[in-house]
Amino acid sequence: MTAVPKRRLTALSKQLVEGIPSEGTFEEIPRIRHVAESSAGPRVKGKVVIVTGCNSPIGIGRASAHQYAQNGAKAVYICDYDDKYLEMHKREMASLYPECEVHCVKMDVGEESQVKAVVDQCMARYGRLDIMFANAGIVGVPNTFEHISSTAFMNTLRVNTVGVFLCFKYAAIAMQKTGPEKEYPGGSIIGTASVAGIRSNAGGTDYSASKAAVVSMAQTMSYQLSGTGVRVNAICPGVIETGMTKPMYDAARNRGTEKKIGQLNPLQRGAVADEVARVALFLGSDEASYVNGQAWAVCGGLSAGHPFVPGKLG
C-alpha cells in the first residue's frame, strides 16, 4: 500500500469521518449547514499560527500576524531572518491583543533545521499547528536574464522556493497530528507567491520562477494531502507597498509620480499590506474550508487581462 492510501486510513478529516450534519429544519425546509463558525465572531479562534517574513514594519507578514491575533488566535509565531523589529511587533500585539501569545523567532527559512525547530517548538508547547503562512521572500535580481548569475538565481530559489517548501513540509506533517487539543487532523497552509508566478513580465526571471514554483507546490501538495483536511493555497499579490517595494514607492514619491503606481490594473492603484492580510486571514480560517490548491490573485485585477495604459488603446 502506498503512502497516500495509508494516510487516508489513519488521518481522515472531521468532515470525512462525521460528514456535515443536519442542523434541523425551519418550517418545511432544511436549515443551512455550516462548517465554520459565524463570520461575525473571531475567525481563527483558538488556532495556533506561524507566520514567516514578519520583520518589515509595512510588510504582509506583520499585517497578517495582526489579523490572526485580532481574530482570536491562541498563539502567533512571528518569524524572520532579520529580527530588528520583531520584539517591537510583539510589544504592539501584546498591547492590542493581550489574550494572544506572541513568540518571536529569528529564522532562516532556507535552513531546514531552523524551520523544523520552530514547528517542533510550536507542537511541544501547544500540541497543534493550525495555520502556516509561509510569507518570507526576497526580490531577487530586478533586471533582465543576462544580468542574473547562477549564484544569484539559486539564492532567490533558496529563500522563495526552498524556504516555502520547508515551511509547507513541516507544517503538513504537524497538522496531521492529533491529540487532546485536536481530535482530527487538518489545517491551512498558505504560501506567498506573486502575480509574477502566474503571468509573465511581472517580475525578474529568478523571482518569477521562484513564485511560479510556490503556486505549483500548493497545487501538488493539496493532492498529496488528500483526505487529511490540510489545505494548501498560494496568495499572488500584485503591487503592494511593502519593505520589498519601498524603493519603488520612495522613488515615485520623490518624482511626484506616486499616483502612477498600479495604473495598469483596473483599480489603478497599488495596495497596502492589510489588503493581502485579509485574504490570508480568510484562507487560514474555517470559512475557507473548501478552498484548496488555489492561486489567489490579490492584484487589483492586473492578472485578469492584458494591461493597457488608459487613453492609449485606440
Protein backbone atom coordinates (compact mmCIF):
# COMPACT_ATOMS: atom_id res chain seq x y z
CA MET A 1 0.00 0.00 0.00
CA THR A 2 1.41 3.41 -0.95
CA ALA A 3 1.84 6.32 1.45
CA VAL A 4 -1.27 8.26 0.43
CA PRO A 5 -3.82 5.42 0.97
CA LYS A 6 -2.15 4.60 4.29
CA ARG A 7 -2.52 8.23 5.36
CA ARG A 8 -6.18 8.22 4.36
CA LEU A 9 -6.79 5.29 6.70
CA THR A 10 -5.07 6.90 9.67
CA ALA A 11 -5.65 10.64 9.34
CA LEU A 12 -9.06 11.49 7.93
CA SER A 13 -10.54 14.95 8.33
CA LYS A 14 -13.51 15.57 10.56
CA GLN A 15 -15.79 16.08 7.57
CA LEU A 16 -14.79 12.72 6.06
CA VAL A 17 -15.38 10.95 9.38
CA GLU A 18 -18.52 12.72 10.60
CA GLY A 19 -19.84 14.36 7.45
CA ILE A 20 -21.51 17.75 7.67
CA PRO A 21 -24.55 17.02 9.81
CA SER A 22 -28.06 18.37 9.52
CA GLU A 23 -28.90 21.43 11.61
CA GLY A 24 -32.61 20.75 11.64
CA THR A 25 -35.36 22.50 9.73
CA PHE A 26 -37.11 25.82 9.57
CA GLU A 27 -40.74 25.06 8.88
CA GLU A 28 -40.54 22.62 5.93
CA ILE A 29 -37.03 23.49 4.64
CA PRO A 30 -33.64 22.39 5.99
CA ARG A 31 -31.57 24.91 7.89
CA ILE A 32 -28.24 25.90 6.35
CA ARG A 33 -25.43 23.55 7.28
CA HIS A 34 -22.14 25.07 8.45
CA VAL A 35 -18.51 24.03 8.69
CA ALA A 36 -17.17 27.34 10.06
CA GLU A 37 -18.27 29.47 12.98
CA SER A 38 -20.00 32.82 12.46
CA SER A 39 -18.12 35.36 10.37
CA ALA A 40 -19.20 37.99 12.87
CA GLY A 41 -17.05 36.39 15.57
CA PRO A 42 -13.29 35.76 15.87
CA ARG A 43 -12.45 33.98 12.64
CA VAL A 44 -9.46 31.92 13.85
CA LYS A 45 -10.44 31.48 17.48
CA GLY A 46 -8.14 29.16 19.41
CA LYS A 47 -5.85 28.48 16.43
CA VAL A 48 -2.06 28.34 16.59
CA VAL A 49 -0.30 30.20 13.78
CA ILE A 50 3.19 30.55 12.33
CA VAL A 51 3.94 33.48 10.01
CA THR A 52 7.30 33.97 8.32
CA GLY A 53 8.65 37.19 6.88
CA CYS A 54 7.28 39.36 9.71
CA ASN A 55 10.04 41.88 10.35
CA SER A 56 9.15 44.63 7.87
CA PRO A 57 7.08 47.39 9.53
CA ILE A 58 4.99 47.74 6.34
CA GLY A 59 5.03 44.11 5.26
CA ILE A 60 2.37 41.48 4.61
CA GLY A 61 3.74 39.25 7.37
CA ARG A 62 3.29 41.81 10.13
CA ALA A 63 -0.17 42.80 8.88
CA SER A 64 -1.25 39.15 8.72
CA ALA A 65 0.04 38.41 12.22
CA HIS A 66 -2.15 41.28 13.46
CA GLN A 67 -5.19 39.91 11.63
CA TYR A 68 -4.74 36.45 13.15
CA ALA A 69 -4.21 37.82 16.66
CA GLN A 70 -7.14 40.23 16.36
CA ASN A 71 -9.36 37.37 15.25
CA GLY A 72 -8.84 35.15 18.24
CA ALA A 73 -5.68 33.14 17.57
CA LYS A 74 -4.40 31.43 20.68
CA ALA A 75 -0.77 31.95 19.66
CA VAL A 76 1.12 33.54 16.79
CA TYR A 77 4.77 32.89 15.99
CA ILE A 78 6.29 35.84 14.13
CA CYS A 79 9.47 34.79 12.33
CA ASP A 80 12.13 36.41 10.18
CA TYR A 81 15.82 36.19 9.38
CA ASP A 82 16.08 39.92 10.11
CA ASP A 83 14.69 40.32 13.64
CA LYS A 84 15.26 44.07 14.08
CA TYR A 85 11.57 44.86 14.69
CA LEU A 86 10.19 41.52 15.92
CA GLU A 87 10.25 42.39 19.63
CA MET A 88 8.66 45.76 18.86
CA HIS A 89 5.92 43.99 16.90
CA LYS A 90 5.43 41.62 19.84
CA ARG A 91 5.01 44.53 22.29
CA GLU A 92 2.49 46.20 20.00
CA MET A 93 0.50 42.98 19.54
CA ALA A 94 0.55 42.31 23.30
CA SER A 95 -0.93 45.76 23.91
CA LEU A 96 -3.65 45.28 21.30
CA TYR A 97 -4.46 41.58 21.69
CA PRO A 98 -3.48 40.56 25.25
CA GLU A 99 -5.15 37.15 25.03
CA CYS A 100 -2.92 36.06 22.13
CA GLU A 101 0.50 34.64 22.97
CA VAL A 102 3.12 36.06 20.60
CA HIS A 103 6.50 34.40 20.08
CA CYS A 104 9.43 35.95 18.19
CA VAL A 105 11.73 33.62 16.29
CA LYS A 106 14.84 34.56 14.32
CA MET A 107 14.76 32.04 11.50
CA ASP A 108 16.29 31.47 8.09
CA VAL A 109 13.58 29.71 6.08
CA GLY A 110 16.21 28.26 3.76
CA GLU A 111 17.73 26.24 6.61
CA GLU A 112 15.76 23.03 7.15
CA SER A 113 16.83 22.57 10.77
CA GLN A 114 15.59 26.03 11.71
CA VAL A 115 12.19 25.56 10.07
CA LYS A 116 11.75 22.18 11.73
CA ALA A 117 12.80 23.65 15.08
CA VAL A 118 10.10 26.33 15.14
CA VAL A 119 7.41 23.82 14.16
CA ASP A 120 8.68 21.39 16.83
CA GLN A 121 8.67 24.21 19.38
CA CYS A 122 5.10 25.06 18.48
CA MET A 123 3.96 21.44 18.75
CA ALA A 124 5.76 20.88 22.06
CA ARG A 125 4.12 23.95 23.59
CA TYR A 126 0.60 23.76 22.15
CA GLY A 127 0.24 20.27 20.72
CA ARG A 128 -1.14 21.68 17.47
CA LEU A 129 -0.43 23.85 14.45
CA ASP A 130 -3.43 25.20 12.56
CA ILE A 131 -2.10 27.85 10.16
CA MET A 132 1.26 28.18 8.45
CA PHE A 133 1.70 31.34 6.39
CA ALA A 134 4.99 30.93 4.51
CA ASN A 135 5.38 34.55 3.54
CA ALA A 136 9.14 35.19 3.67
CA GLY A 137 10.72 36.14 0.38
CA ILE A 138 13.27 38.30 -1.39
CA VAL A 139 13.06 40.39 -4.55
CA GLY A 140 15.88 38.60 -6.35
CA VAL A 141 17.64 40.42 -9.19
CA PRO A 142 15.37 43.14 -10.60
CA ASN A 143 16.97 43.02 -14.01
CA THR A 144 16.86 41.05 -17.26
CA PHE A 145 18.14 37.49 -17.51
CA GLU A 146 21.62 38.29 -18.80
CA HIS A 147 22.39 40.15 -15.57
CA ILE A 148 21.47 37.22 -13.29
CA SER A 149 24.27 34.89 -12.26
CA SER A 150 23.59 31.26 -11.42
CA THR A 151 24.57 32.01 -7.83
CA ALA A 152 22.06 34.85 -7.56
CA PHE A 153 19.38 32.75 -9.25
CA MET A 154 19.90 29.90 -6.78
CA ASN A 155 19.83 32.28 -3.81
CA THR A 156 16.43 33.56 -4.91
CA LEU A 157 15.16 29.98 -5.20
CA ARG A 158 16.68 29.11 -1.82
CA VAL A 159 14.55 31.68 0.00
CA ASN A 160 11.45 31.97 -2.16
CA THR A 161 11.03 28.33 -3.16
CA VAL A 162 13.02 26.04 -0.88
CA GLY A 163 12.08 28.17 2.12
CA VAL A 164 8.39 27.89 1.29
CA PHE A 165 8.74 24.16 0.62
CA LEU A 166 10.30 23.57 4.04
CA CYS A 167 7.53 25.53 5.75
CA PHE A 168 4.93 23.56 3.78
CA LYS A 169 6.63 20.24 4.53
CA TYR A 170 6.95 20.55 8.30
CA ALA A 171 3.59 22.28 8.70
CA ALA A 172 1.85 19.49 6.77
CA ILE A 173 3.45 16.84 8.97
CA ALA A 174 2.48 18.68 12.16
CA MET A 175 -1.07 19.42 11.05
CA GLN A 176 -1.82 15.73 10.64
CA LYS A 177 -1.02 15.02 14.28
CA THR A 178 -3.90 14.70 16.71
CA GLY A 179 -4.11 14.81 20.47
CA PRO A 180 -6.11 16.11 23.45
CA GLU A 181 -6.29 19.60 21.92
CA LYS A 182 -7.04 18.43 18.39
CA GLU A 183 -9.27 15.46 17.73
CA TYR A 184 -8.96 15.49 13.94
CA PRO A 185 -6.09 16.31 11.56
CA GLY A 186 -6.32 19.45 9.48
CA GLY A 187 -5.03 22.94 8.96
CA SER A 188 -4.34 25.66 6.45
CA ILE A 189 -1.01 26.17 4.71
CA ILE A 190 -0.55 29.38 2.73
CA GLY A 191 2.41 30.47 0.63
CA THR A 192 3.11 33.93 -0.71
CA ALA A 193 3.59 33.64 -4.47
CA SER A 194 3.03 36.63 -6.78
CA VAL A 195 1.27 37.67 -9.95
CA ALA A 196 4.77 37.19 -11.34
CA GLY A 197 4.24 33.50 -10.72
CA ILE A 198 1.10 33.32 -12.87
CA ARG A 199 1.68 35.99 -15.54
CA SER A 200 4.81 36.93 -17.47
CA ASN A 201 6.56 40.28 -17.19
CA ALA A 202 5.51 40.96 -13.61
CA GLY A 203 8.96 40.33 -12.13
CA GLY A 204 12.53 39.31 -12.83
CA THR A 205 13.34 35.88 -14.25
CA ASP A 206 14.59 34.42 -10.98
CA TYR A 207 11.79 35.96 -8.93
CA SER A 208 9.08 34.86 -11.36
CA ALA A 209 10.40 31.30 -11.49
CA SER A 210 10.57 31.10 -7.71
CA LYS A 211 6.99 32.30 -7.31
CA ALA A 212 5.61 30.02 -10.05
CA ALA A 213 7.10 27.17 -8.03
CA VAL A 214 5.11 28.26 -4.96
CA VAL A 215 1.88 28.00 -6.96
CA SER A 216 2.87 24.57 -8.24
CA MET A 217 3.75 23.33 -4.75
CA ALA A 218 0.39 24.45 -3.39
CA GLN A 219 -1.42 22.61 -6.17
CA THR A 220 0.69 19.46 -5.92
CA MET A 221 0.67 19.18 -2.14
CA SER A 222 -3.08 19.75 -1.94
CA TYR A 223 -3.44 16.42 -3.76
CA GLN A 224 -0.72 14.68 -1.80
CA LEU A 225 -2.59 15.61 1.39
CA SER A 226 -5.90 14.21 0.14
CA GLY A 227 -8.30 13.32 2.90
CA THR A 228 -6.27 14.81 5.74
CA GLY A 229 -8.16 18.10 5.98
CA VAL A 230 -4.91 20.00 5.39
CA ARG A 231 -5.49 22.67 2.76
CA VAL A 232 -2.68 24.31 0.76
CA ASN A 233 -3.12 27.57 -1.16
CA ALA A 234 -0.99 30.35 -2.62
CA ILE A 235 -1.61 34.09 -2.47
CA CYS A 236 -0.44 36.06 -5.52
CA PRO A 237 -0.06 39.74 -4.64
CA GLY A 238 0.31 42.45 -7.24
CA VAL A 239 1.79 45.86 -6.46
CA ILE A 240 1.73 46.14 -2.67
CA GLU A 241 3.58 48.76 -0.62
CA THR A 242 5.92 46.62 1.49
CA GLY A 243 9.55 46.67 2.53
CA MET A 244 10.37 44.93 -0.75
CA THR A 245 8.69 47.57 -2.93
CA LYS A 246 9.62 50.56 -0.74
CA PRO A 247 12.44 51.73 -3.07
CA MET A 248 9.98 51.94 -5.96
CA TYR A 249 7.44 53.85 -3.86
CA ASP A 250 10.10 56.21 -2.49
CA ALA A 251 11.43 56.94 -5.98
CA ALA A 252 7.91 57.62 -7.28
CA ARG A 253 7.15 59.96 -4.37
CA ASN A 254 10.37 61.84 -4.97
CA ARG A 255 9.41 62.28 -8.64
CA GLY A 256 5.82 63.17 -7.80
CA THR A 257 4.53 60.15 -9.72
CA GLU A 258 3.19 58.04 -6.84
CA LYS A 259 -0.31 58.02 -8.33
CA LYS A 260 1.01 56.23 -11.42
CA ILE A 261 1.85 53.16 -9.35
CA GLY A 262 -0.66 50.44 -10.18
CA GLN A 263 -2.06 52.31 -13.18
CA LEU A 264 -2.02 49.13 -15.29
CA ASN A 265 -4.59 47.36 -13.09
CA PRO A 266 -8.31 48.18 -13.25
CA LEU A 267 -8.30 49.74 -9.76
CA GLN A 268 -5.43 51.98 -10.93
CA ARG A 269 -3.63 51.98 -7.60
CA GLY A 270 -1.24 49.99 -5.50
CA ALA A 271 -2.31 48.26 -2.29
CA VAL A 272 -1.31 48.25 1.35
CA ALA A 273 -0.28 45.11 3.22
CA ASP A 274 -3.54 44.75 5.14
CA GLU A 275 -5.43 44.17 1.89
CA VAL A 276 -3.41 40.99 1.39
CA ALA A 277 -3.52 40.09 5.08
CA ARG A 278 -7.33 39.95 4.92
CA VAL A 279 -7.05 37.23 2.28
CA ALA A 280 -4.50 35.37 4.40
CA LEU A 281 -6.95 35.57 7.30
CA PHE A 282 -9.77 34.12 5.21
CA LEU A 283 -7.64 31.31 3.80
CA GLY A 284 -6.43 30.45 7.29
CA SER A 285 -9.94 30.34 8.72
CA ASP A 286 -12.53 27.59 8.53
CA GLU A 287 -14.56 29.91 6.31
CA ALA A 288 -12.23 28.79 3.51
CA SER A 289 -12.93 25.13 4.32
CA TYR A 290 -13.50 24.24 0.64
CA VAL A 291 -10.72 26.38 -0.85
CA ASN A 292 -7.76 24.17 -1.68
CA GLY A 293 -4.93 24.05 -4.22
CA GLN A 294 -5.62 27.56 -5.49
CA ALA A 295 -3.57 30.59 -6.52
CA TRP A 296 -5.47 33.63 -5.23
CA ALA A 297 -4.50 36.81 -7.05
CA VAL A 298 -4.71 39.96 -4.92
CA CYS A 299 -3.63 42.36 -7.62
CA GLY A 300 -6.34 44.90 -8.31
CA GLY A 301 -7.23 42.97 -11.45
CA LEU A 302 -3.77 43.12 -13.05
CA SER A 303 -3.75 39.38 -13.77
CA ALA A 304 -7.28 39.41 -15.21
CA GLY A 305 -6.36 40.66 -18.66
CA HIS A 306 -3.84 42.35 -20.89
CA PRO A 307 -2.69 45.59 -19.27
CA PHE A 308 -3.07 48.81 -21.18
CA VAL A 309 -2.34 52.45 -20.46
CA PRO A 310 -5.58 54.44 -20.23
CA GLY A 311 -6.05 56.63 -23.29
CA LYS A 312 -3.61 54.60 -25.39
CA LEU A 313 -5.99 51.88 -26.61
CA GLY A 314 -7.10 53.36 -29.91
